[in-house]
């Protein structure tokens, strides 16, 4: 089943290459979406694809990034919209 995850990653997550890591892992998993820094110091991830692959992405973000100090991740799940054509880093 195709799902969409909108996640806000809190903690020391900017300036540690979390966006690059997320994009790279998302491409490995053939996911579509975006990742961007937000003005409040969080990172926003929007990812669409097979539900198991989207879950694998957020697990990787939570556990595999060496430098991010994640305190929590807010997750909102919905049906995929098909709005994305690749997985891109958006400039804030």
PDB file of N, CA and C in Angstrom:
ATOM      1  N   UNK A   1       0.842  -1.187   0.000  1.00  0.00           N
ATOM      2  CA  UNK A   1       0.000   0.000   0.000  1.00  0.00           C
ATOM      3  C   UNK A   1       0.885   1.248   0.000  1.00  0.00           C
ATOM      4  N   UNK A   2       0.507   2.216  -0.819  1.00  0.00           N
ATOM      5  CA  UNK A   2       1.254   3.464  -0.918  1.00  0.00           C
ATOM      6  C   UNK A   2       0.804   4.421   0.186  1.00  0.00           C
ATOM      7  N   UNK A   3       1.769   4.933   0.934  1.00  0.00           N
ATOM      8  CA  UNK A   3       1.481   5.832   2.059  1.00  0.00           C
ATOM      9  C   UNK A   3       2.315   7.101   1.946  1.00  0.00           C
ATOM     10  N   UNK A   4       1.874   8.116   2.663  1.00  0.00           N
ATOM     11  CA  UNK A   4       2.596   9.376   2.776  1.00  0.00           C
ATOM     12  C   UNK A   4       2.877   9.636   4.249  1.00  0.00           C
ATOM     13  N   UNK A   5       4.112   9.982   4.545  1.00  0.00           N
ATOM     14  CA  UNK A   5       4.495  10.360   5.902  1.00  0.00           C
ATOM     15  C   UNK A   5       4.928  11.814   5.895  1.00  0.00           C
ATOM     16  N   UNK A   6       4.335  12.587   6.777  1.00  0.00           N
ATOM     17  CA  UNK A   6       4.788  13.951   7.036  1.00  0.00           C
ATOM     18  C   UNK A   6       5.385  13.914   8.439  1.00  0.00           C
ATOM     19  N   UNK A   7       6.693  14.168   8.539  1.00  0.00           N
ATOM     20  CA  UNK A   7       7.384  14.066   9.827  1.00  0.00           C
ATOM     21  C   UNK A   7       8.130  15.358  10.126  1.00  0.00           C
ATOM     22  N   UNK A   8       8.111  15.737  11.398  1.00  0.00           N
ATOM     23  CA  UNK A   8       8.908  16.861  11.894  1.00  0.00           C
ATOM     24  C   UNK A   8       9.907  16.278  12.884  1.00  0.00           C
ATOM     25  N   UNK A   9      11.193  16.476  12.589  1.00  0.00           N
ATOM     26  CA  UNK A   9      12.272  15.915  13.393  1.00  0.00           C
ATOM     27  C   UNK A   9      12.816  17.017  14.299  1.00  0.00           C
ATOM     28  N   UNK A  10      12.770  16.777  15.605  1.00  0.00           N
ATOM     29  CA  UNK A  10      13.202  17.746  16.610  1.00  0.00           C
ATOM     30  C   UNK A  10      14.550  17.341  17.208  1.00  0.00           C
ATOM     31  N   UNK A  11      15.276  18.328  17.709  1.00  0.00           N
ATOM     32  CA  UNK A  11      16.560  18.096  18.366  1.00  0.00           C
ATOM     33  C   UNK A  11      17.634  18.908  17.686  1.00  0.00           C
ATOM     34  N   UNK A  12      18.883  18.473  17.823  1.00  0.00           N
ATOM     35  CA  UNK A  12      19.997  19.106  17.121  1.00  0.00           C
ATOM     36  C   UNK A  12      20.098  18.422  15.769  1.00  0.00           C
ATOM     37  N   UNK A  13      19.324  18.922  14.805  1.00  0.00           N
ATOM     38  CA  UNK A  13      19.161  18.220  13.531  1.00  0.00           C
ATOM     39  C   UNK A  13      19.535  19.046  12.309  1.00  0.00           C
ATOM     40  N   UNK A  14      19.874  20.316  12.497  1.00  0.00           N
ATOM     41  CA  UNK A  14      20.313  21.139  11.375  1.00  0.00           C
ATOM     42  C   UNK A  14      21.823  21.312  11.421  1.00  0.00           C
ATOM     43  N   UNK A  15      22.440  21.382  10.242  1.00  0.00           N
ATOM     44  CA  UNK A  15      23.883  21.561  10.154  1.00  0.00           C
ATOM     45  C   UNK A  15      24.673  20.292  10.401  1.00  0.00           C
ATOM     46  N   UNK A  16      24.014  19.131  10.314  1.00  0.00           N
ATOM     47  CA  UNK A  16      24.683  17.845  10.565  1.00  0.00           C
ATOM     48  C   UNK A  16      24.476  16.872   9.396  1.00  0.00           C
ATOM     49  N   UNK A  17      24.092  17.402   8.232  1.00  0.00           N
ATOM     50  CA  UNK A  17      23.878  16.618   7.004  1.00  0.00           C
ATOM     51  C   UNK A  17      22.691  15.657   7.089  1.00  0.00           C
ATOM     52  N   UNK A  18      21.721  15.941   7.945  1.00  0.00           N
ATOM     53  CA  UNK A  18      20.550  15.074   8.044  1.00  0.00           C
ATOM     54  C   UNK A  18      19.732  15.096   6.756  1.00  0.00           C
ATOM     55  N   UNK A  19      19.641  16.261   6.097  1.00  0.00           N
ATOM     56  CA  UNK A  19      18.885  16.330   4.846  1.00  0.00           C
ATOM     57  C   UNK A  19      19.535  15.464   3.766  1.00  0.00           C
ATOM     58  N   UNK A  20      20.855  15.549   3.638  1.00  0.00           N
ATOM     59  CA  UNK A  20      21.563  14.727   2.643  1.00  0.00           C
ATOM     60  C   UNK A  20      21.387  13.240   2.940  1.00  0.00           C
ATOM     61  N   UNK A  21      21.525  12.867   4.216  1.00  0.00           N
ATOM     62  CA  UNK A  21      21.348  11.477   4.625  1.00  0.00           C
ATOM     63  C   UNK A  21      19.943  10.993   4.264  1.00  0.00           C
ATOM     64  N   UNK A  22      18.936  11.820   4.580  1.00  0.00           N
ATOM     65  CA  UNK A  22      17.548  11.451   4.329  1.00  0.00           C
ATOM     66  C   UNK A  22      17.295  11.272   2.834  1.00  0.00           C
ATOM     67  N   UNK A  23      17.782  12.212   2.029  1.00  0.00           N
ATOM     68  CA  UNK A  23      17.590  12.103   0.575  1.00  0.00           C
ATOM     69  C   UNK A  23      18.260  10.846   0.028  1.00  0.00           C
ATOM     70  N   UNK A  24      19.487  10.582   0.460  1.00  0.00           N
ATOM     71  CA  UNK A  24      20.216   9.409  -0.015  1.00  0.00           C
ATOM     72  C   UNK A  24      19.484   8.117   0.336  1.00  0.00           C
ATOM     73  N   UNK A  25      19.054   8.010   1.581  1.00  0.00           N
ATOM     74  CA  UNK A  25      18.348   6.802   2.030  1.00  0.00           C
ATOM     75  C   UNK A  25      17.004   6.665   1.307  1.00  0.00           C
ATOM     76  N   UNK A  26      16.293   7.780   1.119  1.00  0.00           N
ATOM     77  CA  UNK A  26      15.005   7.750   0.424  1.00  0.00           C
ATOM     78  C   UNK A  26      15.184   7.265  -1.011  1.00  0.00           C
ATOM     79  N   UNK A  27      16.241   7.716  -1.673  1.00  0.00           N
ATOM     80  CA  UNK A  27      16.487   7.266  -3.046  1.00  0.00           C
ATOM     81  C   UNK A  27      16.818   5.786  -3.079  1.00  0.00           C
ATOM     82  N   UNK A  28      17.569   5.290  -2.094  1.00  0.00           N
ATOM     83  CA  UNK A  28      17.856   3.856  -2.015  1.00  0.00           C
ATOM     84  C   UNK A  28      16.567   3.047  -1.901  1.00  0.00           C
ATOM     85  N   UNK A  29      15.577   3.618  -1.215  1.00  0.00           N
ATOM     86  CA  UNK A  29      14.307   2.937  -0.987  1.00  0.00           C
ATOM     87  C   UNK A  29      13.263   3.239  -2.064  1.00  0.00           C
ATOM     88  N   UNK A  30      13.668   3.997  -3.090  1.00  0.00           N
ATOM     89  CA  UNK A  30      12.770   4.385  -4.197  1.00  0.00           C
ATOM     90  C   UNK A  30      11.558   5.175  -3.724  1.00  0.00           C
ATOM     91  N   UNK A  31      11.788   6.065  -2.758  1.00  0.00           N
ATOM     92  CA  UNK A  31      10.711   6.911  -2.241  1.00  0.00           C
ATOM     93  C   UNK A  31      10.709   8.257  -2.953  1.00  0.00           C
ATOM     94  N   UNK A  32       9.576   8.913  -2.919  1.00  0.00           N
ATOM     95  CA  UNK A  32       9.413  10.251  -3.471  1.00  0.00           C
ATOM     96  C   UNK A  32       9.102  11.196  -2.322  1.00  0.00           C
ATOM     97  N   UNK A  33       9.492  12.480  -2.478  1.00  0.00           N
ATOM     98  CA  UNK A  33       9.157  13.457  -1.446  1.00  0.00           C
ATOM     99  C   UNK A  33      10.158  14.572  -1.343  1.00  0.00           C
ATOM    100  N   UNK A  34      10.201  15.168  -0.157  1.00  0.00           N
ATOM    101  CA  UNK A  34      11.084  16.300   0.110  1.00  0.00           C
ATOM    102  C   UNK A  34      11.592  16.256   1.544  1.00  0.00           C
ATOM    103  N   UNK A  35      12.684  16.971   1.754  1.00  0.00           N
ATOM    104  CA  UNK A  35      13.206  17.189   3.097  1.00  0.00           C
ATOM    105  C   UNK A  35      13.709  18.629   3.137  1.00  0.00           C
ATOM    106  N   UNK A  36      13.475  19.312   4.263  1.00  0.00           N
ATOM    107  CA  UNK A  36      13.925  20.698   4.371  1.00  0.00           C
ATOM    108  C   UNK A  36      14.099  21.109   5.819  1.00  0.00           C
ATOM    109  N   UNK A  37      15.013  22.079   6.020  1.00  0.00           N
ATOM    110  CA  UNK A  37      15.151  22.723   7.319  1.00  0.00           C
ATOM    111  C   UNK A  37      14.012  23.712   7.482  1.00  0.00           C
ATOM    112  N   UNK A  38      13.469  23.791   8.687  1.00  0.00           N
ATOM    113  CA  UNK A  38      12.447  24.781   8.997  1.00  0.00           C
ATOM    114  C   UNK A  38      13.052  25.874   9.874  1.00  0.00           C
ATOM    115  N   UNK A  39      12.475  27.071   9.841  1.00  0.00           N
ATOM    116  CA  UNK A  39      13.037  28.194  10.604  1.00  0.00           C
ATOM    117  C   UNK A  39      13.142  27.952  12.113  1.00  0.00           C
ATOM    118  N   UNK A  40      12.329  27.050  12.656  1.00  0.00           N
ATOM    119  CA  UNK A  40      12.347  26.806  14.102  1.00  0.00           C
ATOM    120  C   UNK A  40      13.431  25.817  14.535  1.00  0.00           C
ATOM    121  N   UNK A  41      14.291  25.375  13.592  1.00  0.00           N
ATOM    122  CA  UNK A  41      15.383  24.468  13.937  1.00  0.00           C
ATOM    123  C   UNK A  41      15.068  22.998  13.736  1.00  0.00           C
ATOM    124  N   UNK A  42      13.860  22.692  13.289  1.00  0.00           N
ATOM    125  CA  UNK A  42      13.488  21.313  13.015  1.00  0.00           C
ATOM    126  C   UNK A  42      13.752  20.979  11.548  1.00  0.00           C
ATOM    127  N   UNK A  43      13.594  19.702  11.218  1.00  0.00           N
ATOM    128  CA  UNK A  43      13.678  19.246   9.833  1.00  0.00           C
ATOM    129  C   UNK A  43      12.356  18.585   9.479  1.00  0.00           C
ATOM    130  N   UNK A  44      11.819  18.955   8.311  1.00  0.00           N
ATOM    131  CA  UNK A  44      10.560  18.405   7.837  1.00  0.00           C
ATOM    132  C   UNK A  44      10.838  17.380   6.738  1.00  0.00           C
ATOM    133  N   UNK A  45      10.228  16.216   6.875  1.00  0.00           N
ATOM    134  CA  UNK A  45      10.337  15.166   5.870  1.00  0.00           C
ATOM    135  C   UNK A  45       8.938  14.828   5.370  1.00  0.00           C
ATOM    136  N   UNK A  46       8.760  14.842   4.051  1.00  0.00           N
ATOM    137  CA  UNK A  46       7.538  14.350   3.425  1.00  0.00           C
ATOM    138  C   UNK A  46       7.979  13.226   2.503  1.00  0.00           C
ATOM    139  N   UNK A  47       7.510  12.018   2.761  1.00  0.00           N
ATOM    140  CA  UNK A  47       7.945  10.863   1.978  1.00  0.00           C
ATOM    141  C   UNK A  47       6.751  10.024   1.569  1.00  0.00           C
ATOM    142  N   UNK A  48       6.750   9.597   0.306  1.00  0.00           N
ATOM    143  CA  UNK A  48       5.689   8.744  -0.215  1.00  0.00           C
ATOM    144  C   UNK A  48       6.277   7.498  -0.858  1.00  0.00           C
ATOM    145  N   UNK A  49       5.553   6.405  -0.708  1.00  0.00           N
ATOM    146  CA  UNK A  49       5.947   5.159  -1.337  1.00  0.00           C
ATOM    147  C   UNK A  49       5.335   3.990  -0.603  1.00  0.00           C
ATOM    148  N   UNK A  50       5.881   2.819  -0.854  1.00  0.00           N
ATOM    149  CA  UNK A  50       5.445   1.616  -0.167  1.00  0.00           C
ATOM    150  C   UNK A  50       5.576   1.836   1.337  1.00  0.00           C
ATOM    151  N   UNK A  51       4.537   1.494   2.092  1.00  0.00           N
ATOM    152  CA  UNK A  51       4.531   1.780   3.536  1.00  0.00           C
ATOM    153  C   UNK A  51       5.747   1.199   4.258  1.00  0.00           C
ATOM    154  N   UNK A  52       6.138  -0.014   3.927  1.00  0.00           N
ATOM    155  CA  UNK A  52       7.290  -0.627   4.595  1.00  0.00           C
ATOM    156  C   UNK A  52       8.564   0.163   4.323  1.00  0.00           C
ATOM    157  N   UNK A  53       8.699   0.681   3.108  1.00  0.00           N
ATOM    158  CA  UNK A  53       9.892   1.461   2.762  1.00  0.00           C
ATOM    159  C   UNK A  53       9.891   2.824   3.458  1.00  0.00           C
ATOM    160  N   UNK A  54       8.722   3.445   3.566  1.00  0.00           N
ATOM    161  CA  UNK A  54       8.638   4.724   4.279  1.00  0.00           C
ATOM    162  C   UNK A  54       8.981   4.512   5.752  1.00  0.00           C
ATOM    163  N   UNK A  55       8.494   3.429   6.332  1.00  0.00           N
ATOM    164  CA  UNK A  55       8.836   3.118   7.724  1.00  0.00           C
ATOM    165  C   UNK A  55      10.333   2.847   7.880  1.00  0.00           C
ATOM    166  N   UNK A  56      10.931   2.187   6.889  1.00  0.00           N
ATOM    167  CA  UNK A  56      12.378   1.945   6.924  1.00  0.00           C
ATOM    168  C   UNK A  56      13.143   3.261   6.880  1.00  0.00           C
ATOM    169  N   UNK A  57      12.657   4.227   6.102  1.00  0.00           N
ATOM    170  CA  UNK A  57      13.309   5.538   6.035  1.00  0.00           C
ATOM    171  C   UNK A  57      13.305   6.217   7.399  1.00  0.00           C
ATOM    172  N   UNK A  58      12.149   6.292   8.035  1.00  0.00           N
ATOM    173  CA  UNK A  58      12.071   7.021   9.302  1.00  0.00           C
ATOM    174  C   UNK A  58      12.850   6.291  10.393  1.00  0.00           C
ATOM    175  N   UNK A  59      12.918   4.976  10.322  1.00  0.00           N
ATOM    176  CA  UNK A  59      13.750   4.222  11.264  1.00  0.00           C
ATOM    177  C   UNK A  59      15.225   4.545  11.042  1.00  0.00           C
ATOM    178  N   UNK A  60      15.638   4.641   9.793  1.00  0.00           N
ATOM    179  CA  UNK A  60      17.027   4.999   9.483  1.00  0.00           C
ATOM    180  C   UNK A  60      17.367   6.393   9.999  1.00  0.00           C
ATOM    181  N   UNK A  61      16.455   7.332   9.775  1.00  0.00           N
ATOM    182  CA  UNK A  61      16.680   8.698  10.258  1.00  0.00           C
ATOM    183  C   UNK A  61      16.832   8.689  11.774  1.00  0.00           C
ATOM    184  N   UNK A  62      15.983   7.932  12.444  1.00  0.00           N
ATOM    185  CA  UNK A  62      15.970   7.892  13.905  1.00  0.00           C
ATOM    186  C   UNK A  62      17.221   7.217  14.476  1.00  0.00           C
ATOM    187  N   UNK A  63      17.752   6.184  13.806  1.00  0.00           N
ATOM    188  CA  UNK A  63      18.775   5.344  14.437  1.00  0.00           C
ATOM    189  C   UNK A  63      20.136   5.308  13.753  1.00  0.00           C
ATOM    190  N   UNK A  64      20.236   5.690  12.487  1.00  0.00           N
ATOM    191  CA  UNK A  64      21.482   5.476  11.757  1.00  0.00           C
ATOM    192  C   UNK A  64      22.321   6.725  11.519  1.00  0.00           C
ATOM    193  N   UNK A  65      21.757   7.908  11.690  1.00  0.00           N
ATOM    194  CA  UNK A  65      22.541   9.120  11.438  1.00  0.00           C
ATOM    195  C   UNK A  65      23.473   9.380  12.610  1.00  0.00           C
ATOM    196  N   UNK A  66      24.758   9.552  12.308  1.00  0.00           N
ATOM    197  CA  UNK A  66      25.784   9.629  13.354  1.00  0.00           C
ATOM    198  C   UNK A  66      25.779  10.924  14.155  1.00  0.00           C
ATOM    199  N   UNK A  67      25.412  12.046  13.533  1.00  0.00           N
ATOM    200  CA  UNK A  67      25.625  13.338  14.194  1.00  0.00           C
ATOM    201  C   UNK A  67      24.360  14.023  14.691  1.00  0.00           C
ATOM    202  N   UNK A  68      23.215  13.678  14.156  1.00  0.00           N
ATOM    203  CA  UNK A  68      21.974  14.294  14.621  1.00  0.00           C
ATOM    204  C   UNK A  68      21.660  13.811  16.034  1.00  0.00           C
ATOM    205  N   UNK A  69      21.178  14.711  16.855  1.00  0.00           N
ATOM    206  CA  UNK A  69      20.719  14.369  18.205  1.00  0.00           C
ATOM    207  C   UNK A  69      19.203  14.569  18.230  1.00  0.00           C
ATOM    208  N   UNK A  70      18.497  13.527  17.848  1.00  0.00           N
ATOM    209  CA  UNK A  70      17.050  13.606  17.702  1.00  0.00           C
ATOM    210  C   UNK A  70      16.390  13.386  19.058  1.00  0.00           C
ATOM    211  N   UNK A  71      15.518  14.331  19.422  1.00  0.00           N
ATOM    212  CA  UNK A  71      14.787  14.198  20.684  1.00  0.00           C
ATOM    213  C   UNK A  71      13.402  13.595  20.475  1.00  0.00           C
ATOM    214  N   UNK A  72      12.794  13.882  19.314  1.00  0.00           N
ATOM    215  CA  UNK A  72      11.494  13.276  18.988  1.00  0.00           C
ATOM    216  C   UNK A  72      11.177  13.510  17.522  1.00  0.00           C
ATOM    217  N   UNK A  73      10.289  12.675  17.014  1.00  0.00           N
ATOM    218  CA  UNK A  73       9.803  12.818  15.648  1.00  0.00           C
ATOM    219  C   UNK A  73       8.283  12.769  15.686  1.00  0.00           C
ATOM    220  N   UNK A  74       7.663  13.832  15.199  1.00  0.00           N
ATOM    221  CA  UNK A  74       6.207  13.868  15.061  1.00  0.00           C
ATOM    222  C   UNK A  74       5.869  13.250  13.708  1.00  0.00           C
ATOM    223  N   UNK A  75       4.968  12.281  13.691  1.00  0.00           N
ATOM    224  CA  UNK A  75       4.599  11.591  12.452  1.00  0.00           C
ATOM    225  C   UNK A  75       3.107  11.725  12.187  1.00  0.00           C
ATOM    226  N   UNK A  76       2.769  12.079  10.957  1.00  0.00           N
ATOM    227  CA  UNK A  76       1.382  12.086  10.490  1.00  0.00           C
ATOM    228  C   UNK A  76       1.344  11.262   9.211  1.00  0.00           C
ATOM    229  N   UNK A  77       0.561  10.198   9.230  1.00  0.00           N
ATOM    230  CA  UNK A  77       0.447   9.280   8.098  1.00  0.00           C
ATOM    231  C   UNK A  77      -0.850   9.528   7.346  1.00  0.00           C
ATOM    232  N   UNK A  78      -0.790   9.386   6.019  1.00  0.00           N
ATOM    233  CA  UNK A  78      -1.979   9.515   5.181  1.00  0.00           C
ATOM    234  C   UNK A  78      -1.778   8.684   3.916  1.00  0.00           C
ATOM    235  N   UNK A  79      -2.777   8.692   3.068  1.00  0.00           N
ATOM    236  CA  UNK A  79      -2.657   8.011   1.781  1.00  0.00           C
ATOM    237  C   UNK A  79      -1.729   8.828   0.889  1.00  0.00           C
ATOM    238  N   UNK A  80      -0.983   8.157   0.038  1.00  0.00           N
ATOM    239  CA  UNK A  80      -0.095   8.843  -0.907  1.00  0.00           C
ATOM    240  C   UNK A  80      -0.925   9.697  -1.867  1.00  0.00           C
ATOM    241  N   UNK A  81      -0.368  10.840  -2.245  1.00  0.00           N
ATOM    242  CA  UNK A  81      -1.072  11.754  -3.147  1.00  0.00           C
ATOM    243  C   UNK A  81      -0.532  11.695  -4.569  1.00  0.00           C
ATOM    244  N   UNK A  82       0.687  11.202  -4.743  1.00  0.00           N
ATOM    245  CA  UNK A  82       1.302  11.196  -6.060  1.00  0.00           C
ATOM    246  C   UNK A  82       1.807  12.562  -6.484  1.00  0.00           C
ATOM    247  N   UNK A  83       1.983  13.468  -5.532  1.00  0.00           N
ATOM    248  CA  UNK A  83       2.374  14.843  -5.833  1.00  0.00           C
ATOM    249  C   UNK A  83       3.875  15.011  -6.119  1.00  0.00           C
ATOM    250  N   UNK A  84       4.690  14.021  -5.813  1.00  0.00           N
ATOM    251  CA  UNK A  84       6.135  14.171  -5.936  1.00  0.00           C
ATOM    252  C   UNK A  84       6.673  13.431  -7.162  1.00  0.00           C
ATOM    253  N   UNK A  85       7.757  13.956  -7.731  1.00  0.00           N
ATOM    254  CA  UNK A  85       8.367  13.328  -8.903  1.00  0.00           C
ATOM    255  C   UNK A  85       9.763  12.789  -8.611  1.00  0.00           C
ATOM    256  N   UNK A  86      10.320  13.106  -7.466  1.00  0.00           N
ATOM    257  CA  UNK A  86      11.641  12.643  -7.055  1.00  0.00           C
ATOM    258  C   UNK A  86      11.733  12.819  -5.559  1.00  0.00           C
ATOM    259  N   UNK A  87      12.946  12.758  -5.023  1.00  0.00           N
ATOM    260  CA  UNK A  87      13.131  13.073  -3.602  1.00  0.00           C
ATOM    261  C   UNK A  87      14.152  14.201  -3.541  1.00  0.00           C
ATOM    262  N   UNK A  88      13.705  15.381  -3.113  1.00  0.00           N
ATOM    263  CA  UNK A  88      14.522  16.581  -3.199  1.00  0.00           C
ATOM    264  C   UNK A  88      14.705  17.273  -1.861  1.00  0.00           C
ATOM    265  N   UNK A  89      15.835  17.951  -1.743  1.00  0.00           N
ATOM    266  CA  UNK A  89      16.081  18.851  -0.620  1.00  0.00           C
ATOM    267  C   UNK A  89      15.542  20.214  -1.017  1.00  0.00           C
ATOM    268  N   UNK A  90      14.627  20.735  -0.217  1.00  0.00           N
ATOM    269  CA  UNK A  90      14.103  22.083  -0.456  1.00  0.00           C
ATOM    270  C   UNK A  90      14.943  23.083   0.316  1.00  0.00           C
ATOM    271  N   UNK A  91      15.202  24.195  -0.293  1.00  0.00           N
ATOM    272  CA  UNK A  91      15.947  25.258   0.380  1.00  0.00           C
ATOM    273  C   UNK A  91      14.994  26.063   1.241  1.00  0.00           C
ATOM    274  N   UNK A  92      15.426  26.379   2.477  1.00  0.00           N
ATOM    275  CA  UNK A  92      14.549  27.124   3.377  1.00  0.00           C
ATOM    276  C   UNK A  92      14.660  28.601   3.130  1.00  0.00           C
TER     277      UNK A  92
END
